[in-house]
Structure formats: structure tokens, C-alpha cells
Amino acid sequence: MQLQQIAYQFGDYPSLLFVPAGRKYPEIRSIGHKEERAALSRLEQAAAKELLSVPEEEMTLLKTFLGTDRPSIPLPVYKQERLYPHLIRPEMFLWKKHSVQRGLPISTGYFYPETYGTLSAQDLSRHVKKVVQDYLFCARLNKFERKHWIEKINTAYTQHPLIRLASSKEAVIHAVEIMNKSSLLGVLKYPEDISYWRHRVEIVMRPYRSIPKAWQWTVCSHEKELTLHADTDSIICTCSACRYSVSYRVSKDEVSLPDEVNIPQATKRIATIERQFNEIAVQSEETMEKLYALKEIQTVLEQHAPIIKQILDMQTRLGSAAETHPAAAIYTEIEQLSFPDAIQPSLLSLASISVPDASVLKRAENWSKQLPHDLDESLARHLQKLQELAEQHKPQADDVMFEIKEFRLLRSHLEKIQLFLQEETVQNHMLVQILRGEATSKIRRSGFHEAEVFGLLNEWPAKYITKAIIKSC
């Protein structure tokens, strides 16, 4: 919609474009009261003077932006005849449409805070100069859709020197953060070197940590708010979800971050902390040897994983009756570890190692000794032994499931009771009567006197039956 469709122009005020303000007042009846005419004349003079200094090319952009045949600045009129005391920000019209049947919304965010009627001549001139500058800036932006500028900001952001550095060194940055919290740090040489390295990490990583995760290393996907600053030729792009903003310089097609850094220095620093860590790792021969050993053990055990898992399953079922095989015990611990294909004494390699507890390194040598040379045969023999043991512990009908004094509840009895309860819903006191064989009228009406469990525990005292049911069922 062209602003011309809802605006009014009057010959006495050629530099002003009168716009109805307030949703209930889409029309203008008159132009200001007698006491407002003086302020109106002063505003016209200031606007005319400022617009005369605008180059022809920008004048054309302004006319296109406002949809008028002559350059002017919008002036809001309230309640069809009263001059609204604040001028309209150009953002009111940038990439927006307004209804012809309704006046412009009166929202403080779309109006300048200055009350133009009370300003001195000098202040009014400065204010109008800023207003015209803002309108010209928006007129340049209006040549393209909002989406275009978002894309320009996205591209410029990825081309920012720090973002390009971070993107190219992403693997190193990620590795530094992992190793800075890794349990392996405590077993590397030497403690004073590690302490110094961590101190340097806090300094070097500060610029990268200041950038939200969603902005690493491209603009986030959330909705953005654009704030315009004509005086600096910039657009502030803000994500409220991430609480992060960047500044885009339109004429230079460049983005500035909230905290700029010295790029040559940042490049040198990230390379330095990687090199320093690599030097520490190379000196830590003993730790590296243990890691090699652990990976070797893991590789060997993974080759036997199917039978080891069978053994672990059998051991779980047999409980304390089963003897544990050394390989199975080691497997449960070592499967929690993660190693790269090839372990190197370097930052990137060690960062890809997952060792929840570094104390596992101390057990590497003992584990190597515990694994038998004939591991295949040893595991097979152990599994066979467990299977034989499982056969011996196979549930028997005469297994005692509950015992109190001279009364014993056998497995066969318990299975019958459980089957009965799966098919029938009875209260505990009635179940006790059924098991004791008490043929009450209610039990007869329900047909429970014909159930297989009727009278199953006829010699048991009722209180013992209750205890057996609570404990076993």
C-alpha cells in the first residue's frame, strides 16, 4: 500500500505529509488549531531546508518509499484535527502495510520521543535532520524485502573473521572444551603444565564462549528483530530467544560482534593452546601406554562380545550361585569406554576418548594379566559350566517358596494360586477361605468351591495363609 492512499498533502506545507493517527480516525478534517499553526510553520521551514540538501538520487528513493510525488516527511494528525506531538519513525512504513479504512496505530515504539512543538529552533533543526536521515536510510533498505536483509546479515555473519576462524578451528575448539573437563587431565604430566594450560584456555576461549550455541558458527534459526540506526548506517539484528545481537553495516556489508577481538592474536592463541596440549600429551608416555592397553583389551573383548553377553545374562539369572569369568567382569567396565580408531598423543585424539573415570587406567595392566591366552576356549568352558549350573537350579515343583513353622508352600501350590488369581478377582479374606476349603454360601454361589485351589491349604491356619499370600503373590 502506498502511503499516498491514506495521507493528505496541502499546498501551504509542501514538505509535510499529513497522516491520520489513531485506529478510530482514518480521516483528517482540518490541519491543526490556531495555537498549533506556529509549530506547524516552524516544522515546515525546518523540513523544507533539510530536504533541499538531499541529493536527487536519494530524493527519488524517498518519494518511492513514501509513495508520493514530492519529497516530504510524515506528520501525524490525531482525532481528525489535532497535531500529534511526536513525529513518526520510518519503521512504521518499512516492509509494512496499513489499512486504508483505519488510521495508523499509536504505539510509542513507532514515534520519536521528542515533542517537536516545544523544541528550540536549533534543536528542531537537529531533530528534523535526524528524522530525514532515518527516512532516507529506510528508503534505501526498502529497495529490498526484509528477508533479503536477513540473508545479507546471515552471509556477512559467516564471513566475520572470528566466525570464519572458529568455523575452521571448530574441531580444536570442541576438543579444548572436552579436554578441559576430562578426567584424563588428572593423569597427564605435569600438574603445573596442566594448570597453566587450563589458565590459558580460560583466556583463549572467552570470545568463543561469549557466542550462544545456536550462533556457532552461523546465525540461529529463531525469529529476528531488526533495529535501524541511520547515524551509523547499521542494522542491529537481535534474537530474543538467544539474547544475542550483532550489528550489520549496510554500506560495507559487514557484521560486527558485541565483543570484537584481535584476529591475528586469536589465531595465534588457538594454535598455541593446541600445541601446548600436544606437548603435554607427548610427555605423558605412561598414560598413553595405559590407553593403548585399554583399547587393545576392548578390541579383544569386542571380538568375543556375543558369548560374553550370554555369560553375563546367565550370571544375572543365577545370581550368587554363578562364578564370574574375568573377561565378563572386565567387559562390563570397559564397554563404557570409547576410543578413536587410532590413539595419538594429541588434543584431537585424546578429546575423542571417553573415559568416565580415569581410575580405570590403573587397572589396565591387571586386566591384561587376567585375560587367559586361550580366551575362546575359556569362555566356552565357562558358559557350559553356567548352563549345567542353570539346569541344576531349574525350578522344581517341590521347591519351597514360603515356610512358617511346619507349614511349607511349594512351587506347585504357588503356581496354582497365581493361575487362579490371574483368572479370578477375589479379596484376600475370601482367597484365604477358598484355600482353607471353607464352602461358604458366597463361595458356592461364585462356583469357587469347584476351583482347583479350593482346600489346597486346608491344614494351614488362616493367619499363615495370609502371610504366605502377601509374601509370595
Protein backbone atom coordinates (compact mmCIF):
# COMPACT_ATOMS: atom_id res chain seq x y z
CA MET A 1 0.00 0.00 0.00
CA GLN A 2 1.29 3.45 -0.93
CA LEU A 3 1.28 5.93 1.95
CA GLN A 4 -0.32 8.39 -0.50
CA GLN A 5 -3.57 6.41 -0.20
CA ILE A 6 -4.11 7.39 3.43
CA ALA A 7 -2.11 10.65 3.61
CA TYR A 8 -3.02 14.26 2.83
CA GLN A 9 -0.90 16.99 1.25
CA PHE A 10 -1.60 20.71 1.43
CA GLY A 11 -0.08 23.48 -0.64
CA ASP A 12 0.88 25.63 2.33
CA TYR A 13 3.00 22.81 3.73
CA PRO A 14 4.67 21.11 0.74
CA SER A 15 7.38 19.42 2.84
CA LEU A 16 4.91 17.70 5.17
CA LEU A 17 2.73 14.69 4.56
CA PHE A 18 -0.25 14.62 6.92
CA VAL A 19 -1.20 11.15 8.11
CA PRO A 20 -4.25 10.20 10.25
CA ALA A 21 -3.22 8.61 13.55
CA GLY A 22 -5.39 6.52 15.86
CA ARG A 23 -7.33 3.47 14.73
CA LYS A 24 -10.72 5.20 15.11
CA TYR A 25 -9.78 8.20 12.98
CA PRO A 26 -8.85 7.26 9.40
CA GLU A 27 -9.52 10.79 8.05
CA ILE A 28 -8.29 14.36 8.56
CA ARG A 29 -10.83 17.22 8.76
CA SER A 30 -8.51 20.16 9.35
CA ILE A 31 -4.83 20.93 9.85
CA GLY A 32 -4.21 21.95 13.43
CA HIS A 33 -5.81 24.58 15.63
CA LYS A 34 -4.75 28.20 15.85
CA GLU A 35 -2.30 27.55 18.70
CA GLU A 36 -0.70 24.74 16.69
CA ARG A 37 -0.17 26.71 13.48
CA ALA A 38 3.04 28.33 14.71
CA ALA A 39 4.63 24.97 15.49
CA LEU A 40 3.41 23.69 12.13
CA SER A 41 5.04 26.59 10.26
CA ARG A 42 8.33 26.12 12.10
CA LEU A 43 8.28 22.40 11.29
CA GLU A 44 7.59 23.11 7.59
CA GLN A 45 10.53 25.52 7.41
CA ALA A 46 12.91 23.06 9.09
CA ALA A 47 11.76 20.17 6.86
CA ALA A 48 11.98 22.23 3.65
CA LYS A 49 15.50 23.36 4.49
CA GLU A 50 16.69 19.85 5.28
CA LEU A 51 15.07 18.26 2.21
CA LEU A 52 16.76 20.78 -0.07
CA SER A 53 20.13 19.35 0.91
CA VAL A 54 19.14 15.80 -0.08
CA PRO A 55 20.80 14.56 -3.32
CA GLU A 56 18.46 13.91 -6.24
CA GLU A 57 19.07 10.14 -6.21
CA GLU A 58 18.11 9.83 -2.53
CA MET A 59 15.18 12.19 -3.09
CA THR A 60 13.83 9.70 -5.62
CA LEU A 61 14.26 6.84 -3.16
CA LEU A 62 12.36 8.82 -0.51
CA LYS A 63 9.46 9.53 -2.86
CA THR A 64 9.34 5.85 -3.83
CA PHE A 65 9.41 4.79 -0.17
CA LEU A 66 6.51 7.08 0.79
CA GLY A 67 4.68 6.68 -2.50
CA THR A 68 4.41 10.45 -3.03
CA ASP A 69 5.17 12.70 -5.97
CA ARG A 70 7.28 15.06 -3.90
CA PRO A 71 9.75 14.60 -1.01
CA SER A 72 8.22 15.15 2.42
CA ILE A 73 8.17 13.80 5.96
CA PRO A 74 5.02 12.32 7.52
CA LEU A 75 3.26 14.30 10.23
CA PRO A 76 0.57 12.51 12.32
CA VAL A 77 -2.84 14.15 12.92
CA TYR A 78 -4.86 12.83 15.84
CA LYS A 79 -8.66 12.88 16.23
CA GLN A 80 -9.04 14.26 12.69
CA GLU A 81 -7.74 17.72 13.58
CA ARG A 82 -5.19 17.68 16.41
CA LEU A 83 -1.49 17.52 15.61
CA TYR A 84 0.11 14.52 17.31
CA PRO A 85 3.10 15.95 19.25
CA HIS A 86 5.65 13.38 18.02
CA LEU A 87 6.87 12.62 14.52
CA ILE A 88 6.52 9.12 13.06
CA ARG A 89 9.52 6.84 12.80
CA PRO A 90 10.07 5.49 9.27
CA GLU A 91 9.91 1.92 10.66
CA MET A 92 6.13 2.47 10.73
CA PHE A 93 6.14 2.12 6.93
CA LEU A 94 9.17 -0.10 6.26
CA TRP A 95 8.09 -3.52 4.89
CA LYS A 96 4.58 -2.91 6.34
CA LYS A 97 1.08 -2.37 5.04
CA HIS A 98 -1.64 -0.28 6.70
CA SER A 99 -5.39 -0.37 6.18
CA VAL A 100 -6.94 2.47 4.19
CA GLN A 101 -10.01 2.27 6.44
CA ARG A 102 -8.05 2.74 9.69
CA GLY A 103 -5.62 5.34 10.98
CA LEU A 104 -2.05 4.48 11.86
CA PRO A 105 -1.62 2.71 15.23
CA ILE A 106 -0.44 4.95 18.05
CA SER A 107 2.38 2.90 19.50
CA THR A 108 5.21 4.68 21.29
CA GLY A 109 7.78 2.45 19.59
CA TYR A 110 6.85 3.95 16.24
CA PHE A 111 7.15 7.60 17.28
CA TYR A 112 10.13 9.77 18.18
CA PRO A 113 10.24 10.76 21.86
CA GLU A 114 10.90 14.46 21.11
CA THR A 115 7.92 16.84 21.31
CA TYR A 116 8.67 18.89 18.21
CA GLY A 117 6.38 21.80 19.17
CA THR A 118 8.43 22.65 22.28
CA LEU A 119 11.90 22.45 20.72
CA SER A 120 14.06 25.50 20.15
CA ALA A 121 14.86 26.42 16.55
CA GLN A 122 18.30 24.82 16.83
CA ASP A 123 17.00 21.65 18.47
CA LEU A 124 14.15 21.41 15.98
CA SER A 125 16.61 21.68 13.10
CA ARG A 126 18.74 18.88 14.59
CA HIS A 127 15.68 16.74 15.20
CA VAL A 128 14.34 17.16 11.65
CA LYS A 129 17.81 16.45 10.26
CA LYS A 130 17.84 13.12 12.13
CA VAL A 131 14.29 12.31 11.01
CA VAL A 132 15.14 12.92 7.35
CA GLN A 133 18.33 10.89 7.74
CA ASP A 134 16.31 7.99 9.20
CA TYR A 135 13.76 8.17 6.38
CA LEU A 136 16.48 8.16 3.74
CA PHE A 137 18.11 5.17 5.42
CA CYS A 138 14.82 3.27 5.44
CA ALA A 139 14.18 4.30 1.84
CA ARG A 140 17.46 2.60 0.85
CA LEU A 141 16.54 -0.52 2.82
CA ASN A 142 13.05 -0.54 1.30
CA LYS A 143 14.54 -1.32 -2.12
CA PHE A 144 14.60 -4.95 -0.95
CA GLU A 145 12.36 -7.11 1.21
CA ARG A 146 13.14 -7.72 4.89
CA LYS A 147 14.05 -11.32 4.02
CA HIS A 148 16.80 -10.03 1.72
CA TRP A 149 18.48 -8.12 4.55
CA ILE A 150 18.20 -11.08 6.93
CA GLU A 151 20.00 -13.17 4.34
CA LYS A 152 22.65 -10.45 3.88
CA ILE A 153 23.21 -10.40 7.65
CA ASN A 154 23.45 -14.20 7.74
CA THR A 155 26.06 -14.23 4.98
CA ALA A 156 28.05 -11.36 6.48
CA TYR A 157 27.99 -13.07 9.88
CA THR A 158 29.53 -16.27 8.49
CA GLN A 159 32.19 -14.12 6.81
CA HIS A 160 33.15 -12.33 10.02
CA PRO A 161 36.85 -13.05 10.73
CA LEU A 162 36.22 -14.55 14.18
CA ILE A 163 33.36 -16.72 12.94
CA ARG A 164 35.47 -17.91 10.00
CA LEU A 165 38.33 -18.67 12.39
CA ALA A 166 36.01 -20.51 14.77
CA SER A 167 34.45 -22.46 11.91
CA SER A 168 37.84 -23.51 10.55
CA LYS A 169 39.04 -24.44 14.06
CA GLU A 170 35.76 -25.94 15.26
CA ALA A 171 37.31 -29.35 15.90
CA VAL A 172 40.06 -27.80 18.03
CA ILE A 173 37.65 -25.55 19.94
CA HIS A 174 35.37 -28.51 20.68
CA ALA A 175 38.34 -30.65 21.71
CA VAL A 176 39.65 -27.96 24.07
CA GLU A 177 36.29 -27.73 25.84
CA ILE A 178 36.10 -31.53 26.17
CA MET A 179 39.64 -31.94 27.49
CA ASN A 180 39.25 -29.01 29.88
CA LYS A 181 36.62 -31.11 31.71
CA SER A 182 38.06 -34.56 31.03
CA SER A 183 39.11 -36.91 33.82
CA LEU A 184 42.23 -37.67 31.75
CA LEU A 185 43.69 -34.27 32.63
CA GLY A 186 44.42 -35.54 36.13
CA VAL A 187 46.72 -38.32 34.86
CA LEU A 188 48.74 -36.33 32.33
CA LYS A 189 52.17 -34.82 33.04
CA TYR A 190 52.92 -32.43 34.55
CA PRO A 191 50.39 -30.90 37.02
CA GLU A 192 51.93 -27.43 36.76
CA ASP A 193 51.81 -27.61 32.95
CA ILE A 194 48.18 -28.69 33.06
CA SER A 195 47.33 -25.86 35.46
CA TYR A 196 48.97 -23.31 33.18
CA TRP A 197 47.21 -24.76 30.12
CA ARG A 198 43.81 -24.52 31.77
CA HIS A 199 44.52 -20.93 32.77
CA ARG A 200 45.34 -20.08 29.15
CA VAL A 201 42.20 -21.89 27.98
CA GLU A 202 40.04 -19.55 30.07
CA ILE A 203 41.55 -16.57 28.28
CA VAL A 204 41.67 -18.01 24.77
CA MET A 205 38.16 -19.49 24.81
CA ARG A 206 36.42 -16.38 26.15
CA PRO A 207 35.47 -14.95 22.71
CA TYR A 208 34.04 -18.28 21.54
CA ARG A 209 32.15 -18.93 24.75
CA SER A 210 30.53 -15.49 24.54
CA ILE A 211 28.71 -16.60 21.39
CA PRO A 212 25.49 -18.57 22.07
CA LYS A 213 25.46 -22.19 20.98
CA ALA A 214 22.76 -21.53 18.36
CA TRP A 215 25.07 -18.95 16.72
CA GLN A 216 28.04 -21.32 16.42
CA TRP A 217 29.04 -20.76 13.61
CA THR A 218 26.08 -19.50 11.66
CA VAL A 219 23.11 -17.31 12.51
CA CYS A 220 20.44 -19.05 14.60
CA SER A 221 17.07 -20.01 13.09
CA HIS A 222 14.89 -18.02 15.53
CA GLU A 223 12.80 -15.00 14.57
CA LYS A 224 14.88 -11.82 14.47
CA GLU A 225 14.18 -8.23 15.46
CA LEU A 226 15.82 -5.55 13.31
CA THR A 227 16.60 -2.16 14.84
CA LEU A 228 17.77 0.59 12.50
CA HIS A 229 20.50 3.14 13.19
CA ALA A 230 20.83 5.58 10.31
CA ASP A 231 23.56 7.57 12.06
CA THR A 232 25.90 4.57 11.92
CA ASP A 233 24.46 3.12 8.69
CA SER A 234 23.72 -0.09 10.59
CA ILE A 235 21.03 -2.63 11.41
CA ILE A 236 21.06 -4.29 14.82
CA CYS A 237 19.90 -7.88 14.40
CA THR A 238 18.64 -9.31 17.70
CA CYS A 239 17.44 -12.76 18.69
CA SER A 240 15.42 -12.50 21.91
CA ALA A 241 15.46 -16.30 22.32
CA CYS A 242 19.28 -16.37 22.35
CA ARG A 243 19.63 -12.91 23.92
CA TYR A 244 22.23 -12.06 21.36
CA SER A 245 22.69 -9.22 18.86
CA VAL A 246 25.03 -8.37 16.01
CA SER A 247 25.42 -5.11 14.11
CA TYR A 248 25.29 -5.08 10.31
CA ARG A 249 26.93 -2.17 8.45
CA VAL A 250 24.84 -1.74 5.31
CA SER A 251 27.28 0.17 3.10
CA LYS A 252 30.18 -2.14 3.97
CA ASP A 253 28.16 -5.37 4.03
CA GLU A 254 29.91 -6.32 7.27
CA VAL A 255 28.81 -7.65 10.64
CA SER A 256 30.25 -6.55 13.98
CA LEU A 257 30.04 -8.76 17.08
CA PRO A 258 29.27 -7.43 20.57
CA ASP A 259 32.84 -8.23 21.60
CA GLU A 260 35.38 -7.81 18.83
CA VAL A 261 38.81 -9.41 19.15
CA ASN A 262 42.24 -9.09 17.62
CA ILE A 263 42.03 -11.77 14.90
CA PRO A 264 45.79 -12.34 14.38
CA GLN A 265 46.15 -12.70 18.13
CA ALA A 266 43.14 -15.05 18.36
CA THR A 267 44.53 -17.17 15.51
CA LYS A 268 47.87 -17.46 17.24
CA ARG A 269 46.30 -18.25 20.62
CA ILE A 270 44.10 -21.10 19.43
CA ALA A 271 47.10 -22.66 17.67
CA THR A 272 49.23 -22.19 20.80
CA ILE A 273 46.90 -23.96 23.23
CA GLU A 274 46.61 -26.89 20.80
CA ARG A 275 50.40 -27.10 20.52
CA GLN A 276 50.89 -26.79 24.29
CA PHE A 277 48.46 -29.63 24.95
CA ASN A 278 50.13 -31.83 22.35
CA GLU A 279 53.47 -31.27 24.10
CA ILE A 280 51.89 -32.31 27.43
CA ALA A 281 50.42 -35.44 25.84
CA VAL A 282 53.74 -36.45 24.27
CA GLN A 283 55.41 -36.24 27.70
CA SER A 284 52.73 -38.47 29.26
CA GLU A 285 54.14 -41.77 27.96
CA GLU A 286 52.85 -43.87 30.86
CA THR A 287 49.29 -42.63 30.45
CA MET A 288 49.42 -43.17 26.70
CA GLU A 289 50.64 -46.75 27.21
CA LYS A 290 47.71 -47.47 29.50
CA LEU A 291 45.29 -46.05 26.97
CA TYR A 292 46.80 -48.23 24.25
CA ALA A 293 46.41 -51.24 26.57
CA LEU A 294 42.79 -50.44 27.36
CA LYS A 295 41.94 -50.08 23.68
CA GLU A 296 43.64 -53.39 22.94
CA ILE A 297 41.65 -55.12 25.70
CA GLN A 298 38.43 -53.57 24.42
CA THR A 299 39.21 -54.70 20.86
CA VAL A 300 39.85 -58.27 22.02
CA LEU A 301 36.72 -58.43 24.16
CA GLU A 302 34.53 -56.95 21.44
CA GLN A 303 35.55 -59.86 19.24
CA HIS A 304 34.07 -62.17 21.87
CA ALA A 305 31.09 -59.95 22.74
CA PRO A 306 28.33 -62.44 21.76
CA ILE A 307 29.49 -65.22 24.11
CA ILE A 308 30.40 -62.73 26.85
CA LYS A 309 26.87 -61.30 26.73
CA GLN A 310 25.49 -64.84 27.03
CA ILE A 311 27.66 -65.42 30.09
CA LEU A 312 26.57 -62.10 31.67
CA ASP A 313 22.93 -62.99 31.08
CA MET A 314 23.40 -66.41 32.68
CA GLN A 315 25.26 -64.91 35.64
CA THR A 316 22.43 -62.44 36.20
CA ARG A 317 19.84 -65.22 36.22
CA LEU A 318 21.86 -67.47 38.53
CA GLY A 319 22.85 -64.66 40.89
CA SER A 320 25.29 -65.53 43.66
CA ALA A 321 25.33 -69.19 42.58
CA ALA A 322 27.31 -68.29 39.46
CA GLU A 323 31.06 -67.79 39.29
CA THR A 324 32.17 -64.69 37.37
CA HIS A 325 34.50 -65.03 34.41
CA PRO A 326 37.33 -62.40 34.42
CA ALA A 327 36.61 -61.39 30.81
CA ALA A 328 32.92 -60.81 31.60
CA ALA A 329 33.77 -58.67 34.62
CA ILE A 330 36.22 -56.60 32.59
CA TYR A 331 33.78 -56.30 29.68
CA THR A 332 31.11 -54.63 31.82
CA GLU A 333 33.57 -51.89 32.73
CA ILE A 334 35.47 -51.48 29.50
CA GLU A 335 32.41 -51.29 27.25
CA GLN A 336 31.69 -47.90 28.85
CA LEU A 337 34.91 -46.55 27.34
CA SER A 338 35.16 -45.09 23.86
CA PHE A 339 38.31 -44.78 21.75
CA PRO A 340 39.13 -43.43 18.28
CA ASP A 341 40.42 -45.82 15.62
CA ALA A 342 44.00 -44.78 16.39
CA ILE A 343 45.08 -43.17 19.67
CA GLN A 344 47.64 -40.39 19.28
CA PRO A 345 49.28 -38.15 21.91
CA SER A 346 47.38 -35.12 20.64
CA LEU A 347 44.49 -32.87 21.64
CA LEU A 348 42.14 -34.02 18.88
CA SER A 349 42.81 -37.70 19.53
CA LEU A 350 42.52 -37.61 23.33
CA ALA A 351 39.38 -35.47 23.15
CA SER A 352 37.68 -38.29 21.23
CA ILE A 353 38.36 -40.71 24.11
CA SER A 354 35.53 -41.15 26.58
CA VAL A 355 36.75 -42.35 29.98
CA PRO A 356 34.15 -41.59 32.67
CA ASP A 357 36.64 -42.37 35.47
CA ALA A 358 40.41 -42.11 34.94
CA SER A 359 40.97 -44.65 37.73
CA VAL A 360 40.25 -47.32 35.12
CA LEU A 361 43.75 -46.67 33.73
CA LYS A 362 45.27 -48.13 36.89
CA ARG A 363 43.54 -51.46 36.20
CA ALA A 364 44.77 -51.80 32.60
CA GLU A 365 47.86 -53.88 33.49
CA ASN A 366 45.97 -56.23 35.84
CA TRP A 367 43.23 -56.72 33.26
CA SER A 368 45.79 -57.73 30.64
CA LYS A 369 47.12 -60.38 33.06
CA GLN A 370 43.65 -61.65 33.97
CA LEU A 371 42.68 -62.48 30.40
CA PRO A 372 43.66 -66.10 29.61
CA HIS A 373 45.65 -66.85 26.48
CA ASP A 374 43.04 -69.39 25.36
CA LEU A 375 40.18 -66.89 25.74
CA ASP A 376 37.95 -68.64 23.19
CA GLU A 377 38.12 -71.98 24.97
CA SER A 378 37.98 -70.41 28.43
CA LEU A 379 34.76 -68.55 27.64
CA ALA A 380 33.22 -71.61 26.04
CA ARG A 381 34.03 -73.77 29.11
CA HIS A 382 32.64 -71.15 31.47
CA LEU A 383 29.41 -70.83 29.51
CA GLN A 384 28.96 -74.63 29.54
CA LYS A 385 29.55 -74.67 33.29
CA LEU A 386 26.91 -71.96 33.76
CA GLN A 387 24.45 -73.85 31.59
CA GLU A 388 24.95 -77.00 33.66
CA LEU A 389 24.53 -74.96 36.84
CA ALA A 390 21.35 -73.42 35.43
CA GLU A 391 19.99 -76.90 34.75
CA GLN A 392 20.68 -77.87 38.35
CA HIS A 393 18.91 -74.73 39.57
CA LYS A 394 15.96 -75.23 37.27
CA PRO A 395 12.74 -74.62 39.22
CA GLN A 396 11.22 -77.81 40.68
CA ALA A 397 7.63 -78.40 41.67
CA ASP A 398 8.65 -79.25 45.25
CA ASP A 399 10.76 -76.08 45.72
CA VAL A 400 9.77 -74.43 49.00
CA MET A 401 8.62 -70.87 48.21
CA PHE A 402 7.44 -69.94 51.71
CA GLU A 403 7.86 -71.61 55.08
CA ILE A 404 6.49 -70.85 58.51
CA LYS A 405 6.86 -73.32 61.35
CA GLU A 406 5.92 -76.75 59.98
CA PHE A 407 3.92 -75.33 57.06
CA ARG A 408 5.56 -75.11 53.61
CA LEU A 409 4.22 -73.50 50.44
CA LEU A 410 5.59 -75.45 47.47
CA ARG A 411 6.21 -74.04 43.98
CA SER A 412 3.45 -76.24 42.56
CA HIS A 413 0.98 -74.80 45.08
CA LEU A 414 2.07 -71.22 44.39
CA GLU A 415 1.73 -71.64 40.61
CA LYS A 416 -1.84 -72.92 41.03
CA ILE A 417 -2.73 -69.98 43.28
CA GLN A 418 -1.18 -67.46 40.88
CA LEU A 419 -3.03 -69.01 37.92
CA PHE A 420 -6.30 -68.80 39.88
CA LEU A 421 -5.68 -65.11 40.67
CA GLN A 422 -4.98 -64.38 37.00
CA GLU A 423 -8.39 -65.74 36.09
CA GLU A 424 -10.43 -64.56 39.08
CA THR A 425 -10.63 -61.37 41.14
CA VAL A 426 -11.23 -62.09 44.82
CA GLN A 427 -10.46 -60.25 48.03
CA ASN A 428 -7.75 -61.61 50.30
CA HIS A 429 -10.07 -62.82 53.04
CA MET A 430 -12.15 -64.81 50.52
CA LEU A 431 -8.98 -66.26 48.98
CA VAL A 432 -7.94 -67.48 52.43
CA GLN A 433 -11.36 -69.14 52.83
CA ILE A 434 -11.04 -70.80 49.41
CA LEU A 435 -7.54 -72.12 50.16
CA ARG A 436 -8.71 -73.43 53.53
CA GLY A 437 -11.70 -75.13 51.83
CA GLU A 438 -14.44 -73.19 53.63
CA ALA A 439 -17.55 -73.65 51.47
CA THR A 440 -19.46 -70.52 52.45
CA SER A 441 -22.68 -69.61 50.63
CA LYS A 442 -20.91 -66.80 48.78
CA ILE A 443 -18.11 -69.13 47.65
CA ARG A 444 -20.67 -71.69 46.46
CA ARG A 445 -22.67 -69.04 44.53
CA SER A 446 -19.45 -67.96 42.81
CA GLY A 447 -18.55 -71.55 41.99
CA PHE A 448 -15.17 -71.22 43.72
CA HIS A 449 -15.79 -74.45 45.68
CA GLU A 450 -15.09 -76.28 42.42
CA ALA A 451 -11.79 -74.48 41.77
CA GLU A 452 -8.56 -76.50 41.76
CA VAL A 453 -7.17 -74.40 44.63
CA PHE A 454 -10.21 -75.00 46.88
CA GLY A 455 -8.91 -76.62 50.07
CA LEU A 456 -5.32 -76.57 48.77
CA LEU A 457 -4.06 -75.34 52.18
CA ASN A 458 -6.82 -76.81 54.31
CA GLU A 459 -4.46 -77.65 57.19
CA TRP A 460 -2.99 -74.14 57.36
CA PRO A 461 -4.12 -71.57 59.94
CA ALA A 462 -5.77 -68.58 58.26
CA LYS A 463 -3.14 -66.13 59.56
CA TYR A 464 -0.30 -68.17 57.99
CA ILE A 465 -2.09 -68.28 54.65
CA THR A 466 -2.44 -64.51 54.73
CA LYS A 467 1.30 -64.13 55.34
CA ALA A 468 2.13 -66.58 52.54
CA ILE A 469 -0.10 -64.67 50.07
CA ILE A 470 1.46 -61.29 50.99
CA LYS A 471 5.00 -62.67 50.72
CA SER A 472 4.64 -64.83 47.60
CA CYS A 473 1.82 -63.42 45.48
